[in-house]
Structures are given as structure tokens and as C-alpha cells.
């Protein structure tokens, strides 16, 4: 939404402004990898994801504000590479969830069949029979949760990351023309 007061707008399009003292603030200083291959700062990623979530409709742009000129080659590819990597991680995690859920479903259904068979044999003990029936359904809870419900937050995160990956990223020198939201990363606190 272009009228969200937390984000500055240019030409009716909201901007996620990142004010930095240096381009190094984008990166996680714990990561010893070469400059372009380093992970992004976790606080920066959290801020970007929250901002994309806030701007849930329409387009937006990410604008990185630096005090001195810097080649665009350093910033945009690093952000895009990190977001693309996170999308790949989500896909791997979801595949693993499906494999685990499928295996758990096979085990649960097998155990359920065994428990229901034993419950039928325990017809003289109604408490035992009911307990076995309840236990057999409990064994299916986690596979059902994994296969049916666990994909929802993964899907939402994938949508946010895809929107961030598709957003234009600009590198500018100076300060944004409108007041900066108080929760945006600032160059003076290292976020």
C-alpha cells in the first residue's frame, strides 16, 4: 500500500529504505565467506521480511541509502543471492517435511491397523479397547499435521521471499527525502 505511513512512497509506490553507514552493514560479520557470498545480517533480513509482509499488496522497491557512492554490483547481487538461497532452503525443508510426513503416515497407519486389531480382540475390556482406539488416532496426529498443516507457514514465507526477490533494488547516496520510519535499520546502530 502506497499510503502506509511507516514507509515512504515515490510515485505512489512504497519504498523500503535502508540507511547504512557502509555497505558492510548488509552482511553478517560472523560469516567469513568472500564479500558477495556472505550471508545477509539476520536483523536486516528480519526487517526486510517484516516490511514485505507489511506491504502485502502491490509493488514496492528496496532502496539502500549510503553516504558515499558504491558500485551497484556489490549490493543488489548479494541481496538477490541471499533471498534466492533462502528460497532454495525453504524448498528443501518442505521436501524433507513431505518425506518425513509420508514415512510417519505409513508408520501411523500400520500401527493404527495393529492397534485396532488388538482393540477388536480386547472386546471384553471396554476401557482397554477405547484406549487402543484413541491411541491409534493419536498416532496419526503428527503425520496429518506435517502433511496438511505445516506447509502453510512455509508457503507464506516463500511468497514473501519471492516478492522480495522480484522487487527492484536501488542504491542511492544521501538520505531519503521523507522522514525515516523509526524501526528501519540505521547506520549509527549497526543494523
N, C-alpha and C. Protein backbone atom coordinates (compact mmCIF):
# COMPACT_ATOMS: atom_id res chain seq x y z
N UNK A 1 0.84 -1.18 0.00
CA UNK A 1 0.00 0.00 0.00
C UNK A 1 0.88 1.24 0.00
N UNK A 2 0.63 2.12 -0.91
CA UNK A 2 1.41 3.33 -1.01
C UNK A 2 1.12 4.29 0.14
N UNK A 3 -0.03 4.18 0.78
CA UNK A 3 -0.40 5.12 1.84
C UNK A 3 -0.04 4.62 3.24
N UNK A 4 0.73 3.56 3.38
CA UNK A 4 1.17 3.07 4.68
C UNK A 4 2.13 4.11 5.27
N UNK A 5 1.79 4.70 6.42
CA UNK A 5 2.61 5.79 6.97
C UNK A 5 4.00 5.34 7.41
N UNK A 6 4.23 4.06 7.56
CA UNK A 6 5.53 3.59 8.01
C UNK A 6 6.56 3.56 6.88
N UNK A 7 6.10 3.70 5.65
CA UNK A 7 7.00 3.61 4.50
C UNK A 7 6.84 4.82 3.60
N UNK A 8 7.96 5.35 3.20
CA UNK A 8 7.99 6.46 2.27
C UNK A 8 7.53 5.98 0.91
N UNK A 9 6.90 6.83 0.13
CA UNK A 9 6.43 6.45 -1.20
C UNK A 9 7.06 7.35 -2.25
N UNK A 10 7.36 6.77 -3.39
CA UNK A 10 7.81 7.51 -4.57
C UNK A 10 6.91 7.13 -5.71
N UNK A 11 6.29 8.13 -6.31
CA UNK A 11 5.39 7.90 -7.45
C UNK A 11 4.30 6.90 -7.08
N UNK A 12 3.81 6.98 -5.85
CA UNK A 12 2.74 6.11 -5.39
C UNK A 12 3.17 4.70 -5.03
N UNK A 13 4.46 4.43 -5.08
CA UNK A 13 4.96 3.09 -4.77
C UNK A 13 5.73 3.15 -3.46
N UNK A 14 5.41 2.25 -2.51
CA UNK A 14 6.13 2.28 -1.23
C UNK A 14 7.59 1.87 -1.40
N UNK A 15 8.42 2.45 -0.53
CA UNK A 15 9.85 2.17 -0.56
C UNK A 15 10.28 1.62 0.80
N UNK A 16 11.05 0.56 0.75
CA UNK A 16 11.67 0.03 1.96
C UNK A 16 13.07 0.64 1.97
N UNK A 17 13.26 1.64 2.81
CA UNK A 17 14.52 2.37 2.88
C UNK A 17 15.46 1.73 3.90
N UNK A 18 16.70 1.53 3.48
CA UNK A 18 17.74 1.02 4.37
C UNK A 18 18.85 2.06 4.43
N UNK A 19 18.95 2.77 5.54
CA UNK A 19 20.02 3.76 5.71
C UNK A 19 21.20 3.08 6.36
N UNK A 20 22.34 3.13 5.67
CA UNK A 20 23.52 2.45 6.17
C UNK A 20 24.71 3.40 6.18
N UNK A 21 25.61 3.20 7.14
CA UNK A 21 26.85 3.97 7.17
C UNK A 21 27.84 3.40 6.17
N UNK A 22 27.75 2.09 5.92
CA UNK A 22 28.62 1.45 4.92
C UNK A 22 27.91 0.20 4.41
N UNK A 23 28.32 -0.26 3.26
CA UNK A 23 27.70 -1.42 2.65
C UNK A 23 27.97 -2.69 3.47
N UNK A 24 29.02 -2.69 4.27
CA UNK A 24 29.35 -3.85 5.09
C UNK A 24 28.25 -4.18 6.11
N UNK A 25 27.42 -3.19 6.45
CA UNK A 25 26.34 -3.43 7.40
C UNK A 25 25.28 -4.39 6.86
N UNK A 26 25.24 -4.58 5.57
CA UNK A 26 24.27 -5.50 4.98
C UNK A 26 24.60 -6.94 5.36
N UNK A 27 25.87 -7.22 5.58
CA UNK A 27 26.33 -8.59 5.73
C UNK A 27 26.48 -8.99 7.19
N UNK A 28 26.37 -10.29 7.41
CA UNK A 28 26.57 -10.87 8.72
C UNK A 28 28.08 -10.91 8.97
N UNK A 29 28.57 -10.18 9.97
CA UNK A 29 30.02 -10.12 10.21
C UNK A 29 30.58 -11.43 10.76
N UNK A 30 29.72 -12.37 11.13
CA UNK A 30 30.22 -13.67 11.59
C UNK A 30 30.56 -14.59 10.43
N UNK A 31 30.15 -14.23 9.22
CA UNK A 31 30.35 -15.07 8.04
C UNK A 31 31.69 -14.73 7.40
N UNK A 32 32.65 -15.67 7.37
CA UNK A 32 33.98 -15.39 6.82
C UNK A 32 34.06 -15.52 5.29
N UNK A 33 32.96 -15.82 4.62
CA UNK A 33 32.98 -16.03 3.17
C UNK A 33 33.37 -14.74 2.45
N UNK A 34 33.78 -14.85 1.18
CA UNK A 34 34.08 -13.65 0.39
C UNK A 34 32.87 -12.71 0.35
N UNK A 35 33.14 -11.44 0.09
CA UNK A 35 32.16 -10.37 0.23
C UNK A 35 30.81 -10.70 -0.40
N UNK A 36 30.76 -11.04 -1.67
CA UNK A 36 29.48 -11.26 -2.35
C UNK A 36 28.78 -12.53 -1.91
N UNK A 37 29.51 -13.47 -1.34
CA UNK A 37 28.93 -14.76 -0.97
C UNK A 37 28.52 -14.80 0.51
N UNK A 38 28.70 -13.72 1.22
CA UNK A 38 28.37 -13.70 2.64
C UNK A 38 26.87 -13.66 2.85
N UNK A 39 26.45 -14.19 3.99
CA UNK A 39 25.04 -14.10 4.38
C UNK A 39 24.70 -12.67 4.74
N UNK A 40 23.44 -12.33 4.56
CA UNK A 40 22.98 -11.01 5.00
C UNK A 40 22.83 -11.01 6.51
N UNK A 41 22.92 -9.84 7.08
CA UNK A 41 22.74 -9.67 8.52
C UNK A 41 21.34 -10.17 8.90
N UNK A 42 21.23 -11.03 9.90
CA UNK A 42 19.91 -11.57 10.29
C UNK A 42 18.90 -10.49 10.66
N UNK A 43 19.35 -9.42 11.31
CA UNK A 43 18.42 -8.33 11.65
C UNK A 43 17.90 -7.63 10.40
N UNK A 44 18.77 -7.48 9.41
CA UNK A 44 18.36 -6.86 8.15
C UNK A 44 17.33 -7.75 7.45
N UNK A 45 17.58 -9.05 7.41
CA UNK A 45 16.64 -9.97 6.77
C UNK A 45 15.30 -9.94 7.48
N UNK A 46 15.33 -9.92 8.81
CA UNK A 46 14.08 -9.87 9.58
C UNK A 46 13.32 -8.57 9.27
N UNK A 47 14.05 -7.45 9.19
CA UNK A 47 13.41 -6.17 8.87
C UNK A 47 12.79 -6.21 7.47
N UNK A 48 13.55 -6.72 6.50
CA UNK A 48 13.04 -6.79 5.13
C UNK A 48 11.80 -7.67 5.04
N UNK A 49 11.83 -8.82 5.69
CA UNK A 49 10.68 -9.73 5.65
C UNK A 49 9.45 -9.10 6.31
N UNK A 50 9.66 -8.41 7.42
CA UNK A 50 8.54 -7.73 8.08
C UNK A 50 7.98 -6.62 7.20
N UNK A 51 8.87 -5.88 6.54
CA UNK A 51 8.42 -4.80 5.66
C UNK A 51 7.64 -5.37 4.46
N UNK A 52 8.14 -6.44 3.87
CA UNK A 52 7.42 -7.06 2.74
C UNK A 52 6.06 -7.56 3.22
N UNK A 53 6.00 -8.11 4.41
CA UNK A 53 4.74 -8.56 4.98
C UNK A 53 3.80 -7.37 5.20
N UNK A 54 4.34 -6.25 5.69
CA UNK A 54 3.52 -5.05 5.88
C UNK A 54 2.95 -4.56 4.55
N UNK A 55 3.74 -4.65 3.51
CA UNK A 55 3.35 -4.16 2.18
C UNK A 55 2.78 -5.33 1.37
N UNK A 56 1.78 -5.99 1.94
CA UNK A 56 1.29 -7.24 1.39
C UNK A 56 0.59 -7.14 0.04
N UNK A 57 0.28 -5.95 -0.42
CA UNK A 57 -0.36 -5.79 -1.72
C UNK A 57 0.45 -4.86 -2.59
N UNK A 58 0.52 -5.15 -3.84
CA UNK A 58 1.15 -4.25 -4.79
C UNK A 58 2.66 -4.33 -4.79
N UNK A 59 3.23 -3.49 -5.61
CA UNK A 59 4.68 -3.48 -5.76
C UNK A 59 5.33 -2.55 -4.74
N UNK A 60 6.61 -2.71 -4.58
CA UNK A 60 7.42 -1.86 -3.71
C UNK A 60 8.84 -1.92 -4.24
N UNK A 61 9.67 -1.07 -3.71
CA UNK A 61 11.08 -1.10 -4.07
C UNK A 61 11.93 -1.02 -2.81
N UNK A 62 13.11 -1.60 -2.88
CA UNK A 62 14.07 -1.54 -1.79
C UNK A 62 15.12 -0.52 -2.18
N UNK A 63 15.34 0.45 -1.32
CA UNK A 63 16.34 1.48 -1.61
C UNK A 63 17.37 1.47 -0.49
N UNK A 64 18.62 1.24 -0.88
CA UNK A 64 19.74 1.21 0.06
C UNK A 64 20.41 2.58 -0.03
N UNK A 65 20.41 3.30 1.09
CA UNK A 65 20.98 4.64 1.17
C UNK A 65 22.36 4.55 1.81
N UNK A 66 23.37 5.05 1.11
CA UNK A 66 24.74 5.06 1.62
C UNK A 66 25.28 6.49 1.59
N UNK A 67 26.22 6.80 2.48
CA UNK A 67 26.77 8.15 2.49
C UNK A 67 27.72 8.42 1.31
N UNK A 68 28.33 7.39 0.76
CA UNK A 68 29.26 7.55 -0.35
C UNK A 68 28.86 6.64 -1.51
N UNK A 69 29.18 7.03 -2.74
CA UNK A 69 28.84 6.18 -3.89
C UNK A 69 29.50 4.80 -3.79
N UNK A 70 28.82 3.82 -4.31
CA UNK A 70 29.30 2.44 -4.28
C UNK A 70 28.80 1.74 -5.54
N UNK A 71 29.61 0.87 -6.14
CA UNK A 71 29.11 0.14 -7.32
C UNK A 71 27.90 -0.73 -6.95
N UNK A 72 26.90 -0.70 -7.80
CA UNK A 72 25.68 -1.47 -7.57
C UNK A 72 26.00 -2.97 -7.56
N UNK A 73 27.07 -3.36 -8.23
CA UNK A 73 27.45 -4.78 -8.33
C UNK A 73 27.61 -5.43 -6.96
N UNK A 74 27.96 -4.67 -5.94
CA UNK A 74 28.19 -5.25 -4.62
C UNK A 74 26.90 -5.55 -3.86
N UNK A 75 25.90 -4.71 -3.99
CA UNK A 75 24.74 -4.78 -3.13
C UNK A 75 23.61 -5.63 -3.70
N UNK A 76 23.14 -5.27 -4.87
CA UNK A 76 21.98 -5.96 -5.45
C UNK A 76 22.21 -7.45 -5.62
N UNK A 77 23.33 -7.88 -6.22
CA UNK A 77 23.53 -9.34 -6.35
C UNK A 77 23.62 -10.05 -5.00
N UNK A 78 24.18 -9.40 -4.01
CA UNK A 78 24.30 -10.02 -2.69
C UNK A 78 22.92 -10.24 -2.07
N UNK A 79 22.06 -9.24 -2.16
CA UNK A 79 20.71 -9.37 -1.60
C UNK A 79 19.94 -10.43 -2.36
N UNK A 80 20.00 -10.37 -3.69
CA UNK A 80 19.26 -11.34 -4.50
C UNK A 80 19.78 -12.77 -4.27
N UNK A 81 21.09 -12.93 -4.16
CA UNK A 81 21.67 -14.26 -3.93
C UNK A 81 21.20 -14.81 -2.59
N UNK A 82 21.15 -13.97 -1.56
CA UNK A 82 20.70 -14.43 -0.25
C UNK A 82 19.23 -14.85 -0.29
N UNK A 83 18.40 -14.03 -0.92
CA UNK A 83 16.97 -14.35 -0.99
C UNK A 83 16.76 -15.63 -1.80
N UNK A 84 17.48 -15.77 -2.90
CA UNK A 84 17.38 -16.99 -3.71
C UNK A 84 17.81 -18.22 -2.90
N UNK A 85 18.88 -18.08 -2.13
CA UNK A 85 19.34 -19.17 -1.27
C UNK A 85 18.27 -19.54 -0.24
N UNK A 86 17.64 -18.54 0.36
CA UNK A 86 16.58 -18.81 1.34
C UNK A 86 15.40 -19.52 0.70
N UNK A 87 15.07 -19.17 -0.55
CA UNK A 87 14.00 -19.88 -1.26
C UNK A 87 14.37 -21.34 -1.49
N UNK A 88 15.62 -21.59 -1.83
CA UNK A 88 16.09 -22.96 -2.02
C UNK A 88 16.03 -23.74 -0.70
N UNK A 89 16.42 -23.10 0.38
CA UNK A 89 16.36 -23.75 1.70
C UNK A 89 14.92 -24.11 2.06
N UNK A 90 13.98 -23.20 1.78
CA UNK A 90 12.57 -23.49 2.06
C UNK A 90 12.08 -24.68 1.25
N UNK A 91 12.47 -24.74 -0.02
CA UNK A 91 12.05 -25.86 -0.87
C UNK A 91 12.61 -27.17 -0.33
N UNK A 92 13.88 -27.16 0.08
CA UNK A 92 14.47 -28.38 0.66
C UNK A 92 13.76 -28.78 1.95
N UNK A 93 13.46 -27.79 2.79
CA UNK A 93 12.78 -28.07 4.05
C UNK A 93 11.39 -28.67 3.81
N UNK A 94 10.67 -28.13 2.84
CA UNK A 94 9.33 -28.64 2.55
C UNK A 94 9.40 -30.05 1.97
N UNK A 95 10.39 -30.33 1.11
CA UNK A 95 10.56 -31.69 0.60
C UNK A 95 10.84 -32.66 1.75
N UNK A 96 11.69 -32.24 2.67
CA UNK A 96 12.00 -33.08 3.83
C UNK A 96 10.77 -33.29 4.70
N UNK A 97 9.96 -32.25 4.87
CA UNK A 97 8.72 -32.38 5.64
C UNK A 97 7.79 -33.40 4.99
N UNK A 98 7.67 -33.34 3.67
CA UNK A 98 6.80 -34.29 2.97
C UNK A 98 7.31 -35.72 3.10
N UNK A 99 8.63 -35.90 2.98
CA UNK A 99 9.20 -37.25 3.15
C UNK A 99 8.96 -37.76 4.56
N UNK A 100 9.25 -36.93 5.55
CA UNK A 100 9.05 -37.32 6.94
C UNK A 100 7.58 -37.59 7.22
N UNK A 101 6.71 -36.71 6.73
CA UNK A 101 5.27 -36.90 6.92
C UNK A 101 4.77 -38.17 6.26
N UNK A 102 5.27 -38.47 5.07
CA UNK A 102 4.86 -39.70 4.38
C UNK A 102 5.29 -40.94 5.14
N UNK A 103 6.54 -40.94 5.61
CA UNK A 103 7.03 -42.07 6.39
C UNK A 103 6.24 -42.21 7.70
N UNK A 104 6.00 -41.08 8.35
CA UNK A 104 5.23 -41.11 9.60
C UNK A 104 3.81 -41.59 9.35
N UNK A 105 3.24 -41.24 8.20
CA UNK A 105 1.88 -41.70 7.87
C UNK A 105 1.86 -43.21 7.68
N UNK A 106 2.87 -43.74 6.99
CA UNK A 106 2.93 -45.20 6.80
C UNK A 106 3.05 -45.90 8.14
N UNK A 107 3.95 -45.40 8.98
CA UNK A 107 4.12 -46.00 10.32
C UNK A 107 2.83 -45.86 11.12
N UNK A 108 2.21 -44.67 11.08
CA UNK A 108 0.99 -44.43 11.84
C UNK A 108 -0.16 -45.31 11.39
N UNK A 109 -0.34 -45.45 10.08
CA UNK A 109 -1.44 -46.28 9.57
C UNK A 109 -1.20 -47.75 9.93
N UNK A 110 0.07 -48.19 9.81
CA UNK A 110 0.40 -49.58 10.18
C UNK A 110 0.13 -49.82 11.67
N UNK A 111 0.60 -48.89 12.50
CA UNK A 111 0.37 -49.02 13.94
C UNK A 111 -1.12 -48.95 14.27
N UNK A 112 -1.83 -48.08 13.55
CA UNK A 112 -3.27 -47.95 13.78
C UNK A 112 -3.98 -49.27 13.46
N UNK A 113 -3.61 -49.88 12.34
CA UNK A 113 -4.23 -51.16 11.97
C UNK A 113 -3.96 -52.21 13.05
N UNK A 114 -2.72 -52.25 13.54
CA UNK A 114 -2.38 -53.21 14.59
C UNK A 114 -3.14 -52.94 15.87
N UNK A 115 -3.21 -51.67 16.26
CA UNK A 115 -3.91 -51.33 17.50
C UNK A 115 -5.41 -51.58 17.39
N UNK A 116 -5.99 -51.29 16.23
CA UNK A 116 -7.42 -51.55 16.06
C UNK A 116 -7.72 -53.05 16.06
N UNK A 117 -6.79 -53.84 15.53
CA UNK A 117 -6.95 -55.30 15.57
C UNK A 117 -6.90 -55.79 17.01
N UNK A 118 -5.93 -55.29 17.76
CA UNK A 118 -5.82 -55.67 19.18
C UNK A 118 -7.06 -55.19 19.94
N UNK A 119 -7.57 -54.00 19.59
CA UNK A 119 -8.77 -53.48 20.26
C UNK A 119 -9.97 -54.39 20.02
N UNK A 120 -10.08 -54.94 18.80
CA UNK A 120 -11.17 -55.86 18.50
C UNK A 120 -11.07 -57.14 19.33
N UNK A 121 -9.82 -57.56 19.56
CA UNK A 121 -9.61 -58.77 20.36
C UNK A 121 -9.88 -58.53 21.84
N UNK A 122 -9.79 -57.27 22.26
CA UNK A 122 -10.00 -56.92 23.67
C UNK A 122 -11.45 -56.51 23.90
N UNK A 123 -12.37 -57.21 23.28
CA UNK A 123 -13.79 -56.83 23.38
C UNK A 123 -14.34 -56.97 24.80
N UNK A 124 -13.70 -57.78 25.62
CA UNK A 124 -14.17 -57.95 27.00
C UNK A 124 -13.70 -56.85 27.92
N UNK A 125 -12.77 -56.01 27.48
CA UNK A 125 -12.25 -54.92 28.32
C UNK A 125 -12.49 -53.59 27.60
N UNK A 126 -13.67 -52.98 27.80
CA UNK A 126 -14.02 -51.77 27.05
C UNK A 126 -13.05 -50.60 27.27
N UNK A 127 -12.49 -50.46 28.46
CA UNK A 127 -11.55 -49.35 28.70
C UNK A 127 -10.28 -49.55 27.89
N UNK A 128 -9.78 -50.78 27.85
CA UNK A 128 -8.58 -51.07 27.06
C UNK A 128 -8.87 -50.86 25.57
N UNK A 129 -10.02 -51.36 25.13
CA UNK A 129 -10.40 -51.22 23.73
C UNK A 129 -10.47 -49.74 23.32
N UNK A 130 -11.16 -48.92 24.11
CA UNK A 130 -11.29 -47.49 23.81
C UNK A 130 -9.93 -46.79 23.86
N UNK A 131 -9.10 -47.20 24.82
CA UNK A 131 -7.76 -46.62 24.91
C UNK A 131 -6.93 -46.91 23.68
N UNK A 132 -7.02 -48.13 23.17
CA UNK A 132 -6.28 -48.52 21.96
C UNK A 132 -6.79 -47.77 20.73
N UNK A 133 -8.11 -47.59 20.65
CA UNK A 133 -8.69 -46.83 19.53
C UNK A 133 -8.21 -45.38 19.58
N UNK A 134 -8.26 -44.78 20.75
CA UNK A 134 -7.80 -43.39 20.90
C UNK A 134 -6.31 -43.28 20.58
N UNK A 135 -5.52 -44.20 21.09
CA UNK A 135 -4.08 -44.20 20.81
C UNK A 135 -3.80 -44.35 19.32
N UNK A 136 -4.58 -45.19 18.64
CA UNK A 136 -4.36 -45.36 17.20
C UNK A 136 -4.60 -44.06 16.44
N UNK A 137 -5.60 -43.27 16.84
CA UNK A 137 -5.86 -41.98 16.19
C UNK A 137 -4.79 -40.95 16.57
N UNK A 138 -4.30 -41.01 17.80
CA UNK A 138 -3.24 -40.09 18.22
C UNK A 138 -1.98 -40.31 17.39
N UNK A 139 -1.70 -41.55 17.05
CA UNK A 139 -0.51 -41.85 16.24
C UNK A 139 -0.56 -41.19 14.86
N UNK A 140 -1.74 -40.86 14.38
CA UNK A 140 -1.86 -40.21 13.06
C UNK A 140 -1.81 -38.69 13.15
N UNK A 141 -1.82 -38.14 14.37
CA UNK A 141 -1.87 -36.69 14.51
C UNK A 141 -0.67 -36.01 13.84
N UNK A 142 0.54 -36.42 14.15
CA UNK A 142 1.73 -35.76 13.61
C UNK A 142 1.84 -35.92 12.09
N UNK A 143 1.61 -37.10 11.52
CA UNK A 143 1.66 -37.18 10.06
C UNK A 143 0.64 -36.26 9.38
N UNK A 144 -0.56 -36.21 9.94
CA UNK A 144 -1.58 -35.32 9.37
C UNK A 144 -1.15 -33.87 9.48
N UNK A 145 -0.62 -33.51 10.64
CA UNK A 145 -0.14 -32.14 10.84
C UNK A 145 0.98 -31.81 9.86
N UNK A 146 1.92 -32.71 9.69
CA UNK A 146 3.05 -32.48 8.80
C UNK A 146 2.61 -32.37 7.35
N UNK A 147 1.75 -33.27 6.91
CA UNK A 147 1.36 -33.29 5.50
C UNK A 147 0.31 -32.24 5.15
N UNK A 148 -0.52 -31.87 6.10
CA UNK A 148 -1.62 -30.97 5.77
C UNK A 148 -1.41 -29.54 6.27
N UNK A 149 -0.88 -29.36 7.46
CA UNK A 149 -0.83 -28.02 8.04
C UNK A 149 0.55 -27.35 8.02
N UNK A 150 1.62 -28.10 8.08
CA UNK A 150 2.95 -27.49 8.17
C UNK A 150 3.37 -26.74 6.91
N UNK A 151 2.72 -26.94 5.79
CA UNK A 151 3.10 -26.24 4.57
C UNK A 151 2.62 -24.79 4.58
N UNK A 152 1.65 -24.45 5.43
CA UNK A 152 1.06 -23.10 5.40
C UNK A 152 2.10 -22.02 5.73
N UNK A 153 2.86 -22.10 6.85
CA UNK A 153 3.86 -21.05 7.10
C UNK A 153 4.99 -21.06 6.07
N UNK A 154 5.33 -22.24 5.56
CA UNK A 154 6.38 -22.32 4.54
C UNK A 154 5.92 -21.61 3.27
N UNK A 155 4.69 -21.81 2.91
CA UNK A 155 4.13 -21.16 1.71
C UNK A 155 4.14 -19.64 1.89
N UNK A 156 3.75 -19.18 3.06
CA UNK A 156 3.72 -17.73 3.32
C UNK A 156 5.13 -17.14 3.23
N UNK A 157 6.09 -17.81 3.82
CA UNK A 157 7.46 -17.33 3.77
C UNK A 157 7.99 -17.34 2.33
N UNK A 158 7.64 -18.36 1.57
CA UNK A 158 8.05 -18.42 0.17
C UNK A 158 7.45 -17.25 -0.62
N UNK A 159 6.19 -16.92 -0.35
CA UNK A 159 5.57 -15.78 -1.03
C UNK A 159 6.30 -14.48 -0.72
N UNK A 160 6.64 -14.28 0.56
CA UNK A 160 7.35 -13.05 0.95
C UNK A 160 8.72 -12.99 0.29
N UNK A 161 9.45 -14.10 0.32
CA UNK A 161 10.78 -14.12 -0.29
C UNK A 161 10.71 -13.90 -1.80
N UNK A 162 9.72 -14.47 -2.45
CA UNK A 162 9.57 -14.27 -3.90
C UNK A 162 9.27 -12.82 -4.21
N UNK A 163 8.42 -12.19 -3.41
CA UNK A 163 8.14 -10.76 -3.63
C UNK A 163 9.40 -9.92 -3.44
N UNK A 164 10.19 -10.27 -2.43
CA UNK A 164 11.44 -9.54 -2.19
C UNK A 164 12.43 -9.78 -3.33
N UNK A 165 12.50 -10.99 -3.82
CA UNK A 165 13.40 -11.30 -4.93
C UNK A 165 13.01 -10.54 -6.19
N UNK A 166 11.72 -10.37 -6.41
CA UNK A 166 11.23 -9.68 -7.61
C UNK A 166 11.26 -8.16 -7.51
N UNK A 167 11.43 -7.63 -6.31
CA UNK A 167 11.39 -6.17 -6.12
C UNK A 167 12.64 -5.50 -6.67
N UNK A 168 12.48 -4.31 -7.26
CA UNK A 168 13.67 -3.58 -7.68
C UNK A 168 14.48 -3.13 -6.46
N UNK A 169 15.79 -3.21 -6.58
CA UNK A 169 16.69 -2.77 -5.51
C UNK A 169 17.54 -1.65 -6.09
N UNK A 170 17.53 -0.52 -5.40
CA UNK A 170 18.29 0.63 -5.86
C UNK A 170 19.31 1.03 -4.82
N UNK A 171 20.42 1.54 -5.28
CA UNK A 171 21.47 2.04 -4.40
C UNK A 171 21.53 3.54 -4.62
N UNK A 172 21.39 4.30 -3.54
CA UNK A 172 21.41 5.76 -3.64
C UNK A 172 22.36 6.33 -2.60
N UNK A 173 22.81 7.53 -2.89
CA UNK A 173 23.70 8.25 -1.99
C UNK A 173 22.90 9.35 -1.32
N UNK A 174 23.08 9.49 -0.01
CA UNK A 174 22.40 10.55 0.72
C UNK A 174 21.36 10.01 1.66
N UNK A 175 20.29 10.79 1.81
CA UNK A 175 19.20 10.46 2.73
C UNK A 175 17.87 10.46 1.98
N UNK A 176 16.91 9.67 2.44
CA UNK A 176 15.58 9.73 1.81
C UNK A 176 14.96 11.10 2.02
N UNK A 177 14.13 11.53 1.09
CA UNK A 177 13.55 12.87 1.16
C UNK A 177 12.51 13.00 2.25
N UNK A 178 11.81 11.93 2.58
CA UNK A 178 10.78 11.98 3.63
C UNK A 178 11.35 11.43 4.93
N UNK A 179 10.72 11.74 6.05
CA UNK A 179 11.21 11.21 7.33
C UNK A 179 11.28 9.69 7.29
N UNK A 180 12.27 9.18 7.97
CA UNK A 180 12.51 7.74 8.00
C UNK A 180 11.68 7.10 9.10
N UNK A 181 11.08 5.95 8.85
CA UNK A 181 10.35 5.28 9.93
C UNK A 181 11.28 4.93 11.07
N UNK A 182 10.83 4.99 12.31
CA UNK A 182 11.71 4.76 13.45
C UNK A 182 12.25 3.34 13.55
N UNK A 183 11.61 2.36 12.94
CA UNK A 183 12.05 0.98 13.09
C UNK A 183 12.96 0.52 11.96
N UNK A 184 13.27 1.39 11.02
CA UNK A 184 14.13 0.98 9.90
C UNK A 184 15.59 0.90 10.35
N UNK A 185 16.37 0.02 9.73
CA UNK A 185 17.79 -0.06 10.07
C UNK A 185 18.47 1.28 9.84
N UNK A 186 19.34 1.66 10.74
CA UNK A 186 20.06 2.93 10.65
C UNK A 186 21.54 2.66 10.69
N UNK A 187 22.28 3.53 10.07
CA UNK A 187 23.73 3.39 10.01
C UNK A 187 24.41 3.56 11.35
N UNK A 188 23.83 4.30 12.29
CA UNK A 188 24.51 4.60 13.54
C UNK A 188 24.45 3.47 14.57
N UNK A 189 23.52 2.50 14.39
CA UNK A 189 23.44 1.43 15.39
C UNK A 189 23.90 0.08 14.85
N UNK A 190 24.42 0.06 13.64
CA UNK A 190 24.99 -1.15 13.10
C UNK A 190 23.98 -2.17 12.61
N UNK A 191 22.73 -1.79 12.42
CA UNK A 191 21.73 -2.77 11.95
C UNK A 191 21.46 -2.56 10.51
